[in-house]
Amino acid sequence: MCRTIRFLVLLAAILPQVAAAGWREPREALDQRHTVGMFRIHYTATGADAFVGAAGGEGAAGLALRLGEQLERGHRFYAEVLGLTPPPANPRYRSLLAVDVHVLAMEGKKGSTGDEPIVYRYRHFPDRGPAITISISSRWAPGNLTPEHEVFHAYQYGYSFFKNPWFLEGMANALEAAFRPRRDSGEPLPQDGPALQRLLGRSYGAGAFWYRLMGLCDPGCAWSAEDGGASRGRCGVRFVRPFLEALQAADRAAAQARGIDPAGWPESEQRSERNNPWLLDSLAATVARHCAVEANAELGMFLEALKAVRRSLP
C-alpha cells in the first residue's frame, strides 16, 4: 500500500514536467532563426512544421523575412505612434531577453501569444534567457495581419494581467485597422445597460466597438498615413495609451483587493468576470478625461451607460 502511494506521488510530480517537455520539444527543435529587433523568429524548412505559407511558392527564409517586417511594423506603430511602452521595458517583463516567435503547424488557429516568460533550450542556438512566446501558423501568408494582432497582445500583457476577451481580443482586432484601413464606421456605442452587458460577453466581435470608440474619441483622426494620418493624427493616439496605463494601476489595485500575487495572477483570475468592474472603471475614466465627450452625444450617452452598469456590479 505504501509503495502504491509513493508511486502515485512520484507520478503526480513527474507528469507535469513531461507535459511541459512535450509542449516545448517541437519549438526547441526549430533549426532556423531570423532576428529583427526584439523578435527572434524560429522556423524550419522541413518536416511537419515546415514554413510553407498558405499556398507554397515562397521559400521559408523569404517568408521569415516578410514575417519579421510585419512584426516590426506592428511594434513600431504601437511604440512610436501610440506611444506605448514595449514589453521588455514594462516592469512585468524587466528580465525579458526577447519575444520568441515560433512558426509551427497550428490546427485550426492562425496564431497565439503567451504571457509567461519561458527559458527555452533550443537545440541549435546556445543563448538562453526569459522570452515571451508568439506562435504563428506555418500556413501564414504575407499580408495576413496575425503578426500585428499578436504583437499587440504582447503589449497588453506588459500593462495588465486582465485577459477578458472583449478587451483582449476586441481591442487587438480593432487596431488591425491601422494596417488595413476599414471604410466603415464600426457599430454604435452601447447606449444602455443591456447593450453594454452584451458587449462584455463578446470576443473578436467587440473589435467593432473599440474601432468606433477610438474614432469618436479623436474626431477627424485617420487610421492610416495614406488617409491623412500625417496631418490629421492617427486614430487611437488619444485613447489607447491612457487606457492601458489606467489598467496598469487597476491591475495592482484589483490584486490587492482580491488577495492575488500582483506579480503572478492565476490564469482563472486573469479571465474572471470579476475583472469587469476594474475594466469598466478604467474605461469610464479614460473616456471622460481623454475623449471629446461634450462634443458628441453618442459618447456622452455611452459614458452614462458605463456609470450605470458599473453601479450595478459588485
C-alpha atoms as a PDB file:
ATOM      1  CA  MET A   1       0.000   0.000   0.000  1.00  0.00           C
ATOM      2  CA  CYS A   2       2.806   2.413   0.943  1.00  0.00           C
ATOM      3  CA  ARG A   3       4.643   1.593  -2.298  1.00  0.00           C
ATOM      4  CA  THR A   4       1.496   2.389  -4.275  1.00  0.00           C
ATOM      5  CA  ILE A   5       1.091   5.735  -2.537  1.00  0.00           C
ATOM      6  CA  ARG A   6       4.755   6.618  -3.107  1.00  0.00           C
ATOM      7  CA  PHE A   7       4.413   5.668  -6.775  1.00  0.00           C
ATOM      8  CA  LEU A   8       1.327   7.843  -7.208  1.00  0.00           C
ATOM      9  CA  VAL A   9       3.023  10.803  -5.517  1.00  0.00           C
ATOM     10  CA  LEU A  10       6.057  10.397  -7.783  1.00  0.00           C
ATOM     11  CA  LEU A  11       3.834  10.107 -10.851  1.00  0.00           C
ATOM     12  CA  ALA A  12       1.957  13.271  -9.906  1.00  0.00           C
ATOM     13  CA  ALA A  13       5.260  15.120  -9.640  1.00  0.00           C
ATOM     14  CA  ILE A  14       6.636  13.834 -12.954  1.00  0.00           C
ATOM     15  CA  LEU A  15       3.603  14.161 -15.239  1.00  0.00           C
ATOM     16  CA  PRO A  16       3.518  17.996 -15.350  1.00  0.00           C
ATOM     17  CA  GLN A  17       7.212  18.033 -16.266  1.00  0.00           C
ATOM     18  CA  VAL A  18       6.621  15.505 -19.050  1.00  0.00           C
ATOM     19  CA  ALA A  19       3.695  17.547 -20.369  1.00  0.00           C
ATOM     20  CA  ALA A  20       5.813  20.710 -20.331  1.00  0.00           C
ATOM     21  CA  ALA A  21       8.646  18.952 -22.129  1.00  0.00           C
ATOM     22  CA  GLY A  22       6.209  17.695 -24.767  1.00  0.00           C
ATOM     23  CA  TRP A  23       4.893  21.207 -25.346  1.00  0.00           C
ATOM     24  CA  ARG A  24       8.362  22.690 -25.721  1.00  0.00           C
ATOM     25  CA  GLU A  25      10.002  19.932 -27.737  1.00  0.00           C
ATOM     26  CA  PRO A  26       8.860  20.927 -31.266  1.00  0.00           C
ATOM     27  CA  ARG A  27       9.652  24.567 -30.508  1.00  0.00           C
ATOM     28  CA  GLU A  28      13.127  23.867 -29.222  1.00  0.00           C
ATOM     29  CA  ALA A  29      13.796  21.701 -32.290  1.00  0.00           C
ATOM     30  CA  LEU A  30      13.235  24.550 -34.795  1.00  0.00           C
ATOM     31  CA  ASP A  31      16.518  24.872 -36.670  1.00  0.00           C
ATOM     32  CA  GLN A  32      16.353  28.278 -38.379  1.00  0.00           C
ATOM     33  CA  ARG A  33      16.324  31.735 -36.814  1.00  0.00           C
ATOM     34  CA  HIS A  34      15.792  35.250 -38.147  1.00  0.00           C
ATOM     35  CA  THR A  35      16.210  38.103 -35.663  1.00  0.00           C
ATOM     36  CA  VAL A  36      14.721  41.546 -36.151  1.00  0.00           C
ATOM     37  CA  GLY A  37      14.697  43.966 -33.232  1.00  0.00           C
ATOM     38  CA  MET A  38      13.301  42.260 -30.135  1.00  0.00           C
ATOM     39  CA  PHE A  39      11.809  39.404 -32.180  1.00  0.00           C
ATOM     40  CA  ARG A  40      13.615  36.098 -32.686  1.00  0.00           C
ATOM     41  CA  ILE A  41      11.735  34.151 -35.352  1.00  0.00           C
ATOM     42  CA  HIS A  42      12.298  30.390 -35.115  1.00  0.00           C
ATOM     43  CA  TYR A  43      11.181  28.211 -38.006  1.00  0.00           C
ATOM     44  CA  THR A  44      12.128  25.222 -40.127  1.00  0.00           C
ATOM     45  CA  ALA A  45      12.015  24.391 -43.824  1.00  0.00           C
ATOM     46  CA  THR A  46      11.462  20.667 -43.323  1.00  0.00           C
ATOM     47  CA  GLY A  47       9.135  18.275 -41.540  1.00  0.00           C
ATOM     48  CA  ALA A  48       5.647  18.682 -40.148  1.00  0.00           C
ATOM     49  CA  ASP A  49       6.286  22.270 -39.029  1.00  0.00           C
ATOM     50  CA  ALA A  50       7.861  23.452 -42.305  1.00  0.00           C
ATOM     51  CA  PHE A  51       7.172  27.124 -43.021  1.00  0.00           C
ATOM     52  CA  VAL A  52       5.339  26.743 -46.320  1.00  0.00           C
ATOM     53  CA  GLY A  53       2.905  29.664 -46.303  1.00  0.00           C
ATOM     54  CA  ALA A  54      -0.706  29.481 -47.423  1.00  0.00           C
ATOM     55  CA  ALA A  55      -0.026  28.118 -50.899  1.00  0.00           C
ATOM     56  CA  GLY A  56       3.694  27.387 -51.050  1.00  0.00           C
ATOM     57  CA  GLY A  57       5.943  29.074 -53.596  1.00  0.00           C
ATOM     58  CA  GLU A  58       7.972  31.461 -51.435  1.00  0.00           C
ATOM     59  CA  GLY A  59      10.815  29.795 -49.532  1.00  0.00           C
ATOM     60  CA  ALA A  60      10.875  29.528 -45.749  1.00  0.00           C
ATOM     61  CA  ALA A  61      13.692  32.080 -45.402  1.00  0.00           C
ATOM     62  CA  GLY A  62      11.798  34.591 -47.539  1.00  0.00           C
ATOM     63  CA  LEU A  63       8.636  34.062 -45.513  1.00  0.00           C
ATOM     64  CA  ALA A  64      10.600  34.618 -42.304  1.00  0.00           C
ATOM     65  CA  LEU A  65      11.861  37.951 -43.656  1.00  0.00           C
ATOM     66  CA  ARG A  66       8.325  39.035 -44.536  1.00  0.00           C
ATOM     67  CA  LEU A  67       7.065  37.903 -41.133  1.00  0.00           C
ATOM     68  CA  GLY A  68       9.778  39.946 -39.452  1.00  0.00           C
ATOM     69  CA  GLU A  69       8.768  43.021 -41.425  1.00  0.00           C
ATOM     70  CA  GLN A  70       5.173  42.762 -40.228  1.00  0.00           C
ATOM     71  CA  LEU A  71       6.148  42.100 -36.608  1.00  0.00           C
ATOM     72  CA  GLU A  72       8.365  45.188 -36.690  1.00  0.00           C
ATOM     73  CA  ARG A  73       5.643  47.217 -38.403  1.00  0.00           C
ATOM     74  CA  GLY A  74       3.247  46.421 -35.572  1.00  0.00           C
ATOM     75  CA  HIS A  75       5.867  47.132 -32.925  1.00  0.00           C
ATOM     76  CA  ARG A  76       6.783  50.499 -34.453  1.00  0.00           C
ATOM     77  CA  PHE A  77       3.152  51.596 -34.662  1.00  0.00           C
ATOM     78  CA  TYR A  78       2.387  50.656 -31.058  1.00  0.00           C
ATOM     79  CA  ALA A  79       5.619  52.136 -29.672  1.00  0.00           C
ATOM     80  CA  GLU A  80       6.255  55.152 -31.891  1.00  0.00           C
ATOM     81  CA  VAL A  81       2.767  56.256 -32.948  1.00  0.00           C
ATOM     82  CA  LEU A  82       0.624  55.214 -29.979  1.00  0.00           C
ATOM     83  CA  GLY A  83       3.471  55.868 -27.528  1.00  0.00           C
ATOM     84  CA  LEU A  84       3.168  52.529 -25.719  1.00  0.00           C
ATOM     85  CA  THR A  85       5.946  51.035 -23.611  1.00  0.00           C
ATOM     86  CA  PRO A  86       7.382  47.923 -25.322  1.00  0.00           C
ATOM     87  CA  PRO A  87       7.040  44.688 -23.324  1.00  0.00           C
ATOM     88  CA  PRO A  88      10.736  44.401 -22.302  1.00  0.00           C
ATOM     89  CA  ALA A  89      10.618  47.945 -20.887  1.00  0.00           C
ATOM     90  CA  ASN A  90       7.495  47.367 -18.765  1.00  0.00           C
ATOM     91  CA  PRO A  91       8.038  46.342 -15.110  1.00  0.00           C
ATOM     92  CA  ARG A  92       6.339  42.959 -15.559  1.00  0.00           C
ATOM     93  CA  TYR A  93       8.936  41.908 -18.130  1.00  0.00           C
ATOM     94  CA  ARG A  94      12.045  43.725 -16.905  1.00  0.00           C
ATOM     95  CA  SER A  95      14.113  40.486 -17.153  1.00  0.00           C
ATOM     96  CA  LEU A  96      12.898  39.651 -20.672  1.00  0.00           C
ATOM     97  CA  LEU A  97      15.580  38.785 -23.222  1.00  0.00           C
ATOM     98  CA  ALA A  98      13.370  38.662 -26.322  1.00  0.00           C
ATOM     99  CA  VAL A  99       9.999  37.933 -27.844  1.00  0.00           C
ATOM    100  CA  ASP A 100      10.409  34.474 -29.362  1.00  0.00           C
ATOM    101  CA  VAL A 101       8.254  33.778 -32.413  1.00  0.00           C
ATOM    102  CA  HIS A 102       7.656  30.108 -33.226  1.00  0.00           C
ATOM    103  CA  VAL A 103       6.341  29.127 -36.649  1.00  0.00           C
ATOM    104  CA  LEU A 104       4.537  25.809 -36.255  1.00  0.00           C
ATOM    105  CA  ALA A 105       1.692  23.754 -37.652  1.00  0.00           C
ATOM    106  CA  MET A 106      -1.336  25.010 -35.715  1.00  0.00           C
ATOM    107  CA  GLU A 107      -4.541  23.067 -36.170  1.00  0.00           C
ATOM    108  CA  GLY A 108      -7.421  25.491 -36.609  1.00  0.00           C
ATOM    109  CA  LYS A 109      -5.510  28.553 -35.362  1.00  0.00           C
ATOM    110  CA  LYS A 110      -3.614  31.386 -37.017  1.00  0.00           C
ATOM    111  CA  GLY A 111      -1.605  32.472 -34.003  1.00  0.00           C
ATOM    112  CA  SER A 112      -1.430  32.927 -30.245  1.00  0.00           C
ATOM    113  CA  THR A 113       0.623  34.792 -27.663  1.00  0.00           C
ATOM    114  CA  GLY A 114       1.661  33.553 -24.236  1.00  0.00           C
ATOM    115  CA  ASP A 115       2.230  35.919 -21.341  1.00  0.00           C
ATOM    116  CA  GLU A 116       4.566  33.818 -19.187  1.00  0.00           C
ATOM    117  CA  PRO A 117       8.335  34.272 -19.700  1.00  0.00           C
ATOM    118  CA  ILE A 118       9.928  30.936 -20.610  1.00  0.00           C
ATOM    119  CA  VAL A 119      13.572  29.914 -20.909  1.00  0.00           C
ATOM    120  CA  TYR A 120      13.775  27.702 -23.997  1.00  0.00           C
ATOM    121  CA  ARG A 121      16.644  25.269 -24.509  1.00  0.00           C
ATOM    122  CA  TYR A 122      16.995  25.370 -28.261  1.00  0.00           C
ATOM    123  CA  ARG A 123      18.924  22.535 -29.836  1.00  0.00           C
ATOM    124  CA  HIS A 124      20.507  24.735 -32.499  1.00  0.00           C
ATOM    125  CA  PHE A 125      21.039  28.034 -30.648  1.00  0.00           C
ATOM    126  CA  PRO A 126      23.124  28.421 -27.478  1.00  0.00           C
ATOM    127  CA  ASP A 127      21.743  31.637 -25.995  1.00  0.00           C
ATOM    128  CA  ARG A 128      19.172  31.258 -23.240  1.00  0.00           C
ATOM    129  CA  GLY A 129      17.064  33.725 -21.348  1.00  0.00           C
ATOM    130  CA  PRO A 130      13.448  34.559 -20.484  1.00  0.00           C
ATOM    131  CA  ALA A 131      11.215  35.145 -23.504  1.00  0.00           C
ATOM    132  CA  ILE A 132       7.504  35.501 -24.084  1.00  0.00           C
ATOM    133  CA  THR A 133       6.163  33.493 -26.989  1.00  0.00           C
ATOM    134  CA  ILE A 134       4.236  34.355 -30.122  1.00  0.00           C
ATOM    135  CA  SER A 135       3.127  31.328 -32.139  1.00  0.00           C
ATOM    136  CA  ILE A 136       2.377  31.748 -35.844  1.00  0.00           C
ATOM    137  CA  SER A 137       0.857  29.127 -38.128  1.00  0.00           C
ATOM    138  CA  SER A 138       3.252  27.631 -40.673  1.00  0.00           C
ATOM    139  CA  ARG A 139       0.484  28.353 -43.212  1.00  0.00           C
ATOM    140  CA  TRP A 140       0.750  32.101 -42.607  1.00  0.00           C
ATOM    141  CA  ALA A 141       0.983  34.198 -45.762  1.00  0.00           C
ATOM    142  CA  PRO A 142       2.362  37.756 -46.074  1.00  0.00           C
ATOM    143  CA  GLY A 143      -0.358  40.373 -45.765  1.00  0.00           C
ATOM    144  CA  ASN A 144      -2.331  38.411 -43.178  1.00  0.00           C
ATOM    145  CA  LEU A 145      -2.435  40.594 -40.047  1.00  0.00           C
ATOM    146  CA  THR A 146      -1.944  37.858 -37.444  1.00  0.00           C
ATOM    147  CA  PRO A 147       1.601  39.116 -36.626  1.00  0.00           C
ATOM    148  CA  GLU A 148       0.464  42.677 -35.869  1.00  0.00           C
ATOM    149  CA  HIS A 149      -2.505  41.331 -33.884  1.00  0.00           C
ATOM    150  CA  GLU A 150      -0.317  39.074 -31.750  1.00  0.00           C
ATOM    151  CA  VAL A 151       2.286  41.775 -31.128  1.00  0.00           C
ATOM    152  CA  PHE A 152      -0.441  43.942 -29.605  1.00  0.00           C
ATOM    153  CA  HIS A 153      -1.282  41.114 -27.200  1.00  0.00           C
ATOM    154  CA  ALA A 154       2.351  41.203 -26.039  1.00  0.00           C
ATOM    155  CA  TYR A 155       1.899  44.919 -25.352  1.00  0.00           C
ATOM    156  CA  GLN A 156      -1.375  44.306 -23.484  1.00  0.00           C
ATOM    157  CA  TYR A 157       0.313  41.701 -21.286  1.00  0.00           C
ATOM    158  CA  GLY A 158       3.071  44.169 -20.437  1.00  0.00           C
ATOM    159  CA  TYR A 159       0.481  46.530 -18.971  1.00  0.00           C
ATOM    160  CA  SER A 160      -2.072  44.220 -17.369  1.00  0.00           C
ATOM    161  CA  PHE A 161      -2.971  40.673 -16.350  1.00  0.00           C
ATOM    162  CA  PHE A 162      -6.595  41.190 -17.462  1.00  0.00           C
ATOM    163  CA  LYS A 163      -7.486  38.770 -20.268  1.00  0.00           C
ATOM    164  CA  ASN A 164     -11.228  39.227 -20.620  1.00  0.00           C
ATOM    165  CA  PRO A 165     -11.902  38.557 -24.329  1.00  0.00           C
ATOM    166  CA  TRP A 166     -13.979  41.679 -25.015  1.00  0.00           C
ATOM    167  CA  PHE A 167     -10.896  43.711 -24.061  1.00  0.00           C
ATOM    168  CA  LEU A 168      -8.035  41.398 -25.070  1.00  0.00           C
ATOM    169  CA  GLU A 169      -9.240  40.211 -28.476  1.00  0.00           C
ATOM    170  CA  GLY A 170     -11.620  43.048 -29.257  1.00  0.00           C
ATOM    171  CA  MET A 171      -9.036  45.792 -28.894  1.00  0.00           C
ATOM    172  CA  ALA A 172      -6.377  43.888 -30.863  1.00  0.00           C
ATOM    173  CA  ASN A 173      -8.931  43.268 -33.599  1.00  0.00           C
ATOM    174  CA  ALA A 174      -9.832  46.969 -33.799  1.00  0.00           C
ATOM    175  CA  LEU A 175      -6.210  48.067 -34.140  1.00  0.00           C
ATOM    176  CA  GLU A 176      -5.766  45.933 -37.242  1.00  0.00           C
ATOM    177  CA  ALA A 177      -7.388  48.908 -38.991  1.00  0.00           C
ATOM    178  CA  ALA A 178      -4.080  50.756 -38.616  1.00  0.00           C
ATOM    179  CA  PHE A 179      -2.537  48.305 -41.082  1.00  0.00           C
ATOM    180  CA  ARG A 180      -5.511  47.621 -43.344  1.00  0.00           C
ATOM    181  CA  PRO A 181      -7.875  50.592 -43.127  1.00  0.00           C
ATOM    182  CA  ARG A 182     -11.589  49.933 -42.875  1.00  0.00           C
ATOM    183  CA  ARG A 183     -14.146  52.020 -44.731  1.00  0.00           C
ATOM    184  CA  ASP A 184     -16.986  51.529 -42.245  1.00  0.00           C
ATOM    185  CA  SER A 185     -17.632  53.456 -39.040  1.00  0.00           C
ATOM    186  CA  GLY A 186     -17.920  50.468 -36.724  1.00  0.00           C
ATOM    187  CA  GLU A 187     -21.097  49.999 -34.719  1.00  0.00           C
ATOM    188  CA  PRO A 188     -22.900  52.452 -32.424  1.00  0.00           C
ATOM    189  CA  LEU A 189     -21.541  52.537 -28.882  1.00  0.00           C
ATOM    190  CA  PRO A 190     -23.730  50.840 -26.237  1.00  0.00           C
ATOM    191  CA  GLN A 191     -26.276  53.359 -25.004  1.00  0.00           C
ATOM    192  CA  ASP A 192     -27.856  51.369 -22.174  1.00  0.00           C
ATOM    193  CA  GLY A 193     -27.147  48.622 -19.663  1.00  0.00           C
ATOM    194  CA  PRO A 194     -28.337  45.603 -21.692  1.00  0.00           C
ATOM    195  CA  ALA A 195     -26.254  46.627 -24.722  1.00  0.00           C
ATOM    196  CA  LEU A 196     -23.174  47.096 -22.552  1.00  0.00           C
ATOM    197  CA  GLN A 197     -23.698  43.731 -20.858  1.00  0.00           C
ATOM    198  CA  ARG A 198     -23.826  42.088 -24.291  1.00  0.00           C
ATOM    199  CA  LEU A 199     -20.511  43.735 -25.139  1.00  0.00           C
ATOM    200  CA  LEU A 200     -18.899  42.125 -22.086  1.00  0.00           C
ATOM    201  CA  GLY A 201     -19.786  38.701 -23.487  1.00  0.00           C
ATOM    202  CA  ARG A 202     -18.073  39.227 -26.840  1.00  0.00           C
ATOM    203  CA  SER A 203     -14.562  38.467 -28.063  1.00  0.00           C
ATOM    204  CA  TYR A 204     -13.204  39.346 -31.522  1.00  0.00           C
ATOM    205  CA  GLY A 205     -16.605  40.814 -32.366  1.00  0.00           C
ATOM    206  CA  ALA A 206     -16.004  43.540 -29.778  1.00  0.00           C
ATOM    207  CA  GLY A 207     -13.496  44.995 -32.236  1.00  0.00           C
ATOM    208  CA  ALA A 208     -16.291  46.998 -33.877  1.00  0.00           C
ATOM    209  CA  PHE A 209     -16.910  48.701 -30.513  1.00  0.00           C
ATOM    210  CA  TRP A 210     -13.266  49.624 -29.897  1.00  0.00           C
ATOM    211  CA  TYR A 211     -12.864  50.785 -33.505  1.00  0.00           C
ATOM    212  CA  ARG A 212     -15.850  53.114 -33.151  1.00  0.00           C
ATOM    213  CA  LEU A 213     -14.740  54.397 -29.745  1.00  0.00           C
ATOM    214  CA  MET A 214     -11.204  55.240 -30.892  1.00  0.00           C
ATOM    215  CA  GLY A 215     -12.561  57.089 -33.904  1.00  0.00           C
ATOM    216  CA  LEU A 216     -15.064  59.139 -31.884  1.00  0.00           C
ATOM    217  CA  CYS A 217     -12.549  59.847 -29.143  1.00  0.00           C
ATOM    218  CA  ASP A 218     -10.376  61.828 -31.551  1.00  0.00           C
ATOM    219  CA  PRO A 219     -12.668  63.479 -34.142  1.00  0.00           C
ATOM    220  CA  GLY A 220     -11.066  63.802 -37.554  1.00  0.00           C
ATOM    221  CA  CYS A 221      -8.342  61.231 -36.894  1.00  0.00           C
ATOM    222  CA  ALA A 222      -7.109  58.914 -39.655  1.00  0.00           C
ATOM    223  CA  TRP A 223      -6.414  55.209 -39.328  1.00  0.00           C
ATOM    224  CA  SER A 224      -3.526  55.244 -41.798  1.00  0.00           C
ATOM    225  CA  ALA A 225      -0.917  57.667 -43.121  1.00  0.00           C
ATOM    226  CA  GLU A 226      -2.417  57.233 -46.587  1.00  0.00           C
ATOM    227  CA  ASP A 227      -5.730  58.577 -45.275  1.00  0.00           C
ATOM    228  CA  GLY A 228      -4.096  61.732 -43.951  1.00  0.00           C
ATOM    229  CA  GLY A 229      -2.650  60.470 -40.682  1.00  0.00           C
ATOM    230  CA  ALA A 230       0.403  62.715 -41.001  1.00  0.00           C
ATOM    231  CA  SER A 231      -1.691  65.884 -40.856  1.00  0.00           C
ATOM    232  CA  ARG A 232      -4.850  64.743 -39.040  1.00  0.00           C
ATOM    233  CA  GLY A 233      -3.332  62.482 -36.399  1.00  0.00           C
ATOM    234  CA  ARG A 234      -3.783  58.735 -36.078  1.00  0.00           C
ATOM    235  CA  CYS A 235      -6.819  57.108 -34.502  1.00  0.00           C
ATOM    236  CA  GLY A 236      -6.032  55.546 -31.144  1.00  0.00           C
ATOM    237  CA  VAL A 237      -3.382  58.063 -30.093  1.00  0.00           C
ATOM    238  CA  ARG A 238      -5.651  59.885 -27.626  1.00  0.00           C
ATOM    239  CA  PHE A 239      -7.167  56.734 -26.166  1.00  0.00           C
ATOM    240  CA  VAL A 240      -5.000  53.588 -26.190  1.00  0.00           C
ATOM    241  CA  ARG A 241      -2.067  54.610 -24.021  1.00  0.00           C
ATOM    242  CA  PRO A 242      -4.141  56.359 -21.309  1.00  0.00           C
ATOM    243  CA  PHE A 243      -6.476  53.366 -21.161  1.00  0.00           C
ATOM    244  CA  LEU A 244      -3.683  50.794 -20.814  1.00  0.00           C
ATOM    245  CA  GLU A 245      -1.988  52.941 -18.182  1.00  0.00           C
ATOM    246  CA  ALA A 246      -5.288  53.108 -16.275  1.00  0.00           C
ATOM    247  CA  LEU A 247      -5.489  49.321 -16.456  1.00  0.00           C
ATOM    248  CA  GLN A 248      -1.936  49.037 -15.144  1.00  0.00           C
ATOM    249  CA  ALA A 249      -2.986  50.886 -11.992  1.00  0.00           C
ATOM    250  CA  ALA A 250      -6.294  48.995 -11.746  1.00  0.00           C
ATOM    251  CA  ASP A 251      -4.406  45.734 -12.110  1.00  0.00           C
ATOM    252  CA  ARG A 252      -2.420  46.385  -8.939  1.00  0.00           C
ATOM    253  CA  ALA A 253      -5.490  47.582  -7.030  1.00  0.00           C
ATOM    254  CA  ALA A 254      -7.509  44.517  -8.075  1.00  0.00           C
ATOM    255  CA  ALA A 255      -4.722  42.173  -6.981  1.00  0.00           C
ATOM    256  CA  GLN A 256      -4.570  43.803  -3.565  1.00  0.00           C
ATOM    257  CA  ALA A 257      -8.355  43.791  -3.124  1.00  0.00           C
ATOM    258  CA  ARG A 258      -8.641  40.112  -4.082  1.00  0.00           C
ATOM    259  CA  GLY A 259      -5.534  38.794  -2.346  1.00  0.00           C
ATOM    260  CA  ILE A 260      -3.739  37.895  -5.587  1.00  0.00           C
ATOM    261  CA  ASP A 261       0.027  37.910  -6.022  1.00  0.00           C
ATOM    262  CA  PRO A 262       0.456  41.113  -8.075  1.00  0.00           C
ATOM    263  CA  ALA A 263       3.356  39.535  -9.979  1.00  0.00           C
ATOM    264  CA  GLY A 264       1.663  36.231 -10.784  1.00  0.00           C
ATOM    265  CA  TRP A 265      -2.082  36.057 -11.285  1.00  0.00           C
ATOM    266  CA  PRO A 266      -3.614  32.560 -11.692  1.00  0.00           C
ATOM    267  CA  GLU A 267      -4.981  32.078 -15.206  1.00  0.00           C
ATOM    268  CA  SER A 268      -8.529  31.718 -13.864  1.00  0.00           C
ATOM    269  CA  GLU A 269      -8.283  35.148 -12.227  1.00  0.00           C
ATOM    270  CA  GLN A 270      -6.880  36.726 -15.392  1.00  0.00           C
ATOM    271  CA  ARG A 271     -10.004  35.683 -17.288  1.00  0.00           C
ATOM    272  CA  SER A 272     -12.512  36.125 -14.461  1.00  0.00           C
ATOM    273  CA  GLU A 273     -15.668  38.212 -14.845  1.00  0.00           C
ATOM    274  CA  ARG A 274     -14.594  39.832 -11.575  1.00  0.00           C
ATOM    275  CA  ASN A 275     -12.199  41.888 -13.693  1.00  0.00           C
ATOM    276  CA  ASN A 276     -15.038  43.675 -15.477  1.00  0.00           C
ATOM    277  CA  PRO A 277     -15.672  46.325 -12.786  1.00  0.00           C
ATOM    278  CA  TRP A 278     -11.994  47.306 -12.936  1.00  0.00           C
ATOM    279  CA  LEU A 279     -12.026  47.345 -16.720  1.00  0.00           C
ATOM    280  CA  LEU A 280     -15.188  49.453 -16.804  1.00  0.00           C
ATOM    281  CA  ASP A 281     -13.877  51.920 -14.213  1.00  0.00           C
ATOM    282  CA  SER A 282     -10.702  52.367 -16.265  1.00  0.00           C
ATOM    283  CA  LEU A 283     -12.712  52.735 -19.453  1.00  0.00           C
ATOM    284  CA  ALA A 284     -15.042  55.349 -17.952  1.00  0.00           C
ATOM    285  CA  ALA A 285     -12.138  57.363 -16.542  1.00  0.00           C
ATOM    286  CA  THR A 286     -10.271  57.302 -19.860  1.00  0.00           C
ATOM    287  CA  VAL A 287     -13.299  58.321 -21.916  1.00  0.00           C
ATOM    288  CA  ALA A 288     -14.149  61.152 -19.500  1.00  0.00           C
ATOM    289  CA  ARG A 289     -10.602  62.555 -19.462  1.00  0.00           C
ATOM    290  CA  HIS A 290      -9.345  61.968 -22.982  1.00  0.00           C
ATOM    291  CA  CYS A 291     -12.318  61.815 -25.372  1.00  0.00           C
ATOM    292  CA  ALA A 292     -14.441  64.635 -26.779  1.00  0.00           C
ATOM    293  CA  VAL A 293     -17.493  63.723 -24.673  1.00  0.00           C
ATOM    294  CA  GLU A 294     -19.041  67.200 -24.575  1.00  0.00           C
ATOM    295  CA  ALA A 295     -18.981  67.470 -28.362  1.00  0.00           C
ATOM    296  CA  ASN A 296     -20.534  64.076 -29.082  1.00  0.00           C
ATOM    297  CA  ALA A 297     -23.912  62.902 -27.799  1.00  0.00           C
ATOM    298  CA  GLU A 298     -23.128  59.258 -28.548  1.00  0.00           C
ATOM    299  CA  LEU A 299     -20.022  59.382 -26.355  1.00  0.00           C
ATOM    300  CA  GLY A 300     -21.969  61.140 -23.611  1.00  0.00           C
ATOM    301  CA  MET A 301     -24.724  58.517 -23.540  1.00  0.00           C
ATOM    302  CA  PHE A 302     -22.135  55.742 -23.606  1.00  0.00           C
ATOM    303  CA  LEU A 303     -20.375  57.233 -20.592  1.00  0.00           C
ATOM    304  CA  GLU A 304     -23.675  57.407 -18.691  1.00  0.00           C
ATOM    305  CA  ALA A 305     -24.404  53.762 -19.570  1.00  0.00           C
ATOM    306  CA  LEU A 306     -20.928  52.826 -18.323  1.00  0.00           C
ATOM    307  CA  LYS A 307     -21.541  54.505 -14.990  1.00  0.00           C
ATOM    308  CA  ALA A 308     -24.975  52.897 -14.613  1.00  0.00           C
ATOM    309  CA  VAL A 309     -23.712  49.381 -15.311  1.00  0.00           C
ATOM    310  CA  ARG A 310     -20.736  49.917 -13.034  1.00  0.00           C
ATOM    311  CA  ARG A 311     -23.079  50.827 -10.153  1.00  0.00           C
ATOM    312  CA  SER A 312     -24.925  47.533 -10.656  1.00  0.00           C
ATOM    313  CA  LEU A 313     -21.760  45.429 -10.380  1.00  0.00           C
ATOM    314  CA  PRO A 314     -20.190  44.361  -7.070  1.00  0.00           C
END
